[in-house]
Amino acid sequence: MATSLNEMTKEELIQLIETVIDRKLLEMFDVDDEIELKPDVKARLIRQRVAVAQGERGTSFNDVMRQLDLD
């Protein structure tokens, strides 16, 4: 990956933004906190947290836009 923002490709910038959003969402919705979630929702959040920690990615923003015919 490029060392500065102005050296990043469009794809690198998208990847960086997606990573930051994933991290912030995981911080905001820490499933270890004492909040009441349905068991299936809690299990899904835990699976997603593990997947992200292992470097797995979901569907890219661009792919979602294409799937929804919004590009």
N, C-alpha and C. Protein backbone atom coordinates (compact mmCIF):
# COMPACT_ATOMS: atom_id res chain seq x y z
N MET A 1 0.84 -1.18 0.00
CA MET A 1 0.00 0.00 0.00
C MET A 1 0.88 1.24 0.00
N ALA A 2 0.40 2.28 -0.61
CA ALA A 2 1.14 3.54 -0.68
C ALA A 2 1.36 4.11 0.72
N THR A 3 2.38 4.95 0.84
CA THR A 3 2.71 5.49 2.16
C THR A 3 1.97 6.77 2.50
N SER A 4 1.46 7.48 1.52
CA SER A 4 0.69 8.69 1.81
C SER A 4 -0.59 8.70 0.99
N LEU A 5 -1.54 9.47 1.46
CA LEU A 5 -2.86 9.52 0.82
C LEU A 5 -2.79 9.92 -0.64
N ASN A 6 -1.95 10.90 -0.95
CA ASN A 6 -1.89 11.35 -2.34
C ASN A 6 -1.22 10.35 -3.27
N GLU A 7 -0.58 9.31 -2.72
CA GLU A 7 0.03 8.27 -3.54
C GLU A 7 -0.88 7.05 -3.70
N MET A 8 -2.01 7.03 -3.01
CA MET A 8 -2.90 5.87 -3.04
C MET A 8 -3.67 5.80 -4.35
N THR A 9 -3.90 4.57 -4.77
CA THR A 9 -4.80 4.36 -5.90
C THR A 9 -6.23 4.46 -5.37
N LYS A 10 -7.17 4.54 -6.27
CA LYS A 10 -8.58 4.59 -5.88
C LYS A 10 -8.94 3.34 -5.08
N GLU A 11 -8.45 2.18 -5.53
CA GLU A 11 -8.75 0.93 -4.85
C GLU A 11 -8.15 0.89 -3.44
N GLU A 12 -6.93 1.41 -3.29
CA GLU A 12 -6.30 1.45 -1.97
C GLU A 12 -7.08 2.36 -1.03
N LEU A 13 -7.54 3.49 -1.53
CA LEU A 13 -8.33 4.41 -0.71
C LEU A 13 -9.64 3.77 -0.28
N ILE A 14 -10.30 3.09 -1.20
CA ILE A 14 -11.55 2.40 -0.86
C ILE A 14 -11.30 1.35 0.21
N GLN A 15 -10.23 0.58 0.05
CA GLN A 15 -9.88 -0.45 1.03
C GLN A 15 -9.62 0.17 2.40
N LEU A 16 -8.91 1.28 2.44
CA LEU A 16 -8.63 1.97 3.70
C LEU A 16 -9.92 2.44 4.37
N ILE A 17 -10.79 3.04 3.60
CA ILE A 17 -12.06 3.53 4.15
C ILE A 17 -12.90 2.38 4.68
N GLU A 18 -12.99 1.28 3.92
CA GLU A 18 -13.76 0.12 4.36
C GLU A 18 -13.20 -0.44 5.66
N THR A 19 -11.89 -0.51 5.76
CA THR A 19 -11.25 -1.02 6.98
C THR A 19 -11.56 -0.14 8.19
N VAL A 20 -11.48 1.15 8.01
CA VAL A 20 -11.76 2.09 9.10
C VAL A 20 -13.23 1.97 9.53
N ILE A 21 -14.13 1.89 8.57
CA ILE A 21 -15.55 1.77 8.90
C ILE A 21 -15.81 0.47 9.66
N ASP A 22 -15.22 -0.64 9.18
CA ASP A 22 -15.38 -1.92 9.88
C ASP A 22 -14.92 -1.82 11.33
N ARG A 23 -13.75 -1.23 11.54
CA ARG A 23 -13.21 -1.11 12.90
C ARG A 23 -14.12 -0.27 13.79
N LYS A 24 -14.57 0.86 13.26
CA LYS A 24 -15.41 1.76 14.06
C LYS A 24 -16.75 1.12 14.39
N LEU A 25 -17.34 0.41 13.44
CA LEU A 25 -18.60 -0.27 13.72
C LEU A 25 -18.41 -1.34 14.79
N LEU A 26 -17.31 -2.06 14.72
CA LEU A 26 -17.04 -3.07 15.74
C LEU A 26 -16.85 -2.43 17.11
N GLU A 27 -16.20 -1.26 17.15
CA GLU A 27 -16.04 -0.56 18.43
C GLU A 27 -17.39 -0.10 18.97
N MET A 28 -18.23 0.43 18.10
CA MET A 28 -19.52 0.97 18.53
C MET A 28 -20.46 -0.13 19.01
N PHE A 29 -20.41 -1.27 18.38
CA PHE A 29 -21.32 -2.35 18.68
C PHE A 29 -20.57 -3.53 19.28
N ASP A 30 -19.83 -3.26 20.33
CA ASP A 30 -19.07 -4.31 21.01
C ASP A 30 -20.04 -5.31 21.61
N VAL A 31 -20.07 -6.52 21.07
CA VAL A 31 -21.05 -7.50 21.51
C VAL A 31 -20.74 -8.06 22.89
N ASP A 32 -19.62 -7.70 23.48
CA ASP A 32 -19.31 -8.13 24.83
C ASP A 32 -19.97 -7.23 25.88
N ASP A 33 -20.44 -6.06 25.44
CA ASP A 33 -21.10 -5.14 26.37
C ASP A 33 -22.41 -5.74 26.83
N GLU A 34 -22.92 -5.21 27.91
CA GLU A 34 -24.17 -5.70 28.48
C GLU A 34 -25.37 -5.07 27.77
N ILE A 35 -25.53 -5.39 26.51
CA ILE A 35 -26.70 -4.94 25.77
C ILE A 35 -27.50 -6.18 25.40
N GLU A 36 -28.78 -5.98 25.25
CA GLU A 36 -29.63 -7.11 24.94
C GLU A 36 -29.80 -7.23 23.43
N LEU A 37 -29.32 -8.33 22.91
CA LEU A 37 -29.47 -8.64 21.50
C LEU A 37 -30.10 -10.02 21.37
N LYS A 38 -30.83 -10.21 20.31
CA LYS A 38 -31.33 -11.55 20.06
C LYS A 38 -30.13 -12.47 19.86
N PRO A 39 -30.22 -13.71 20.30
CA PRO A 39 -29.09 -14.63 20.17
C PRO A 39 -28.53 -14.75 18.76
N ASP A 40 -29.40 -14.76 17.75
CA ASP A 40 -28.91 -14.89 16.37
C ASP A 40 -28.16 -13.64 15.92
N VAL A 41 -28.59 -12.47 16.37
CA VAL A 41 -27.90 -11.22 16.02
C VAL A 41 -26.53 -11.19 16.69
N LYS A 42 -26.48 -11.56 17.95
CA LYS A 42 -25.22 -11.58 18.67
C LYS A 42 -24.24 -12.57 18.02
N ALA A 43 -24.72 -13.74 17.65
CA ALA A 43 -23.87 -14.74 17.01
C ALA A 43 -23.33 -14.22 15.68
N ARG A 44 -24.18 -13.53 14.92
CA ARG A 44 -23.74 -12.99 13.63
C ARG A 44 -22.67 -11.92 13.84
N LEU A 45 -22.85 -11.04 14.81
CA LEU A 45 -21.85 -10.00 15.08
C LEU A 45 -20.52 -10.62 15.51
N ILE A 46 -20.58 -11.66 16.31
CA ILE A 46 -19.35 -12.32 16.74
C ILE A 46 -18.66 -12.96 15.53
N ARG A 47 -19.42 -13.62 14.67
CA ARG A 47 -18.82 -14.22 13.45
C ARG A 47 -18.17 -13.15 12.58
N GLN A 48 -18.84 -12.02 12.44
CA GLN A 48 -18.30 -10.93 11.63
C GLN A 48 -17.02 -10.37 12.25
N ARG A 49 -17.00 -10.22 13.55
CA ARG A 49 -15.81 -9.71 14.24
C ARG A 49 -14.63 -10.65 13.99
N VAL A 50 -14.85 -11.94 14.12
CA VAL A 50 -13.79 -12.92 13.90
C VAL A 50 -13.32 -12.87 12.44
N ALA A 51 -14.27 -12.80 11.52
CA ALA A 51 -13.92 -12.76 10.10
C ALA A 51 -13.07 -11.54 9.77
N VAL A 52 -13.46 -10.38 10.27
CA VAL A 52 -12.71 -9.15 10.01
C VAL A 52 -11.32 -9.25 10.64
N ALA A 53 -11.24 -9.78 11.85
CA ALA A 53 -9.94 -9.92 12.52
C ALA A 53 -9.02 -10.85 11.74
N GLN A 54 -9.60 -11.80 11.02
CA GLN A 54 -8.81 -12.73 10.20
C GLN A 54 -8.54 -12.18 8.81
N GLY A 55 -8.97 -10.96 8.56
CA GLY A 55 -8.69 -10.32 7.28
C GLY A 55 -9.72 -10.57 6.20
N GLU A 56 -10.81 -11.23 6.55
CA GLU A 56 -11.84 -11.48 5.55
C GLU A 56 -12.62 -10.19 5.30
N ARG A 57 -13.08 -10.05 4.08
CA ARG A 57 -13.82 -8.86 3.70
C ARG A 57 -15.20 -9.26 3.23
N GLY A 58 -16.11 -8.36 3.37
CA GLY A 58 -17.46 -8.58 2.86
C GLY A 58 -17.53 -8.14 1.41
N THR A 59 -18.72 -7.86 0.97
CA THR A 59 -18.93 -7.38 -0.40
C THR A 59 -18.47 -5.94 -0.49
N SER A 60 -17.73 -5.63 -1.52
CA SER A 60 -17.22 -4.27 -1.67
C SER A 60 -18.37 -3.30 -1.95
N PHE A 61 -18.14 -2.06 -1.60
CA PHE A 61 -19.12 -1.00 -1.83
C PHE A 61 -19.50 -0.94 -3.31
N ASN A 62 -18.51 -1.02 -4.19
CA ASN A 62 -18.77 -0.95 -5.63
C ASN A 62 -19.63 -2.11 -6.10
N ASP A 63 -19.38 -3.31 -5.57
CA ASP A 63 -20.20 -4.47 -5.94
C ASP A 63 -21.64 -4.30 -5.48
N VAL A 64 -21.83 -3.78 -4.30
CA VAL A 64 -23.19 -3.53 -3.79
C VAL A 64 -23.89 -2.50 -4.67
N MET A 65 -23.16 -1.45 -5.01
CA MET A 65 -23.75 -0.43 -5.89
C MET A 65 -24.19 -1.04 -7.22
N ARG A 66 -23.36 -1.92 -7.79
CA ARG A 66 -23.71 -2.57 -9.06
C ARG A 66 -24.91 -3.50 -8.87
N GLN A 67 -24.92 -4.25 -7.77
CA GLN A 67 -26.04 -5.16 -7.52
C GLN A 67 -27.36 -4.43 -7.39
N LEU A 68 -27.30 -3.21 -6.84
CA LEU A 68 -28.51 -2.42 -6.66
C LEU A 68 -28.78 -1.48 -7.84
N ASP A 69 -27.98 -1.64 -8.89
CA ASP A 69 -28.10 -0.77 -10.08
C ASP A 69 -28.02 0.71 -9.73
N LEU A 70 -27.07 1.03 -8.86
CA LEU A 70 -26.91 2.42 -8.43
C LEU A 70 -25.63 3.05 -8.97
N ASP A 71 -24.88 2.33 -9.79
CA ASP A 71 -23.63 2.91 -10.31
C ASP A 71 -23.79 3.58 -11.64
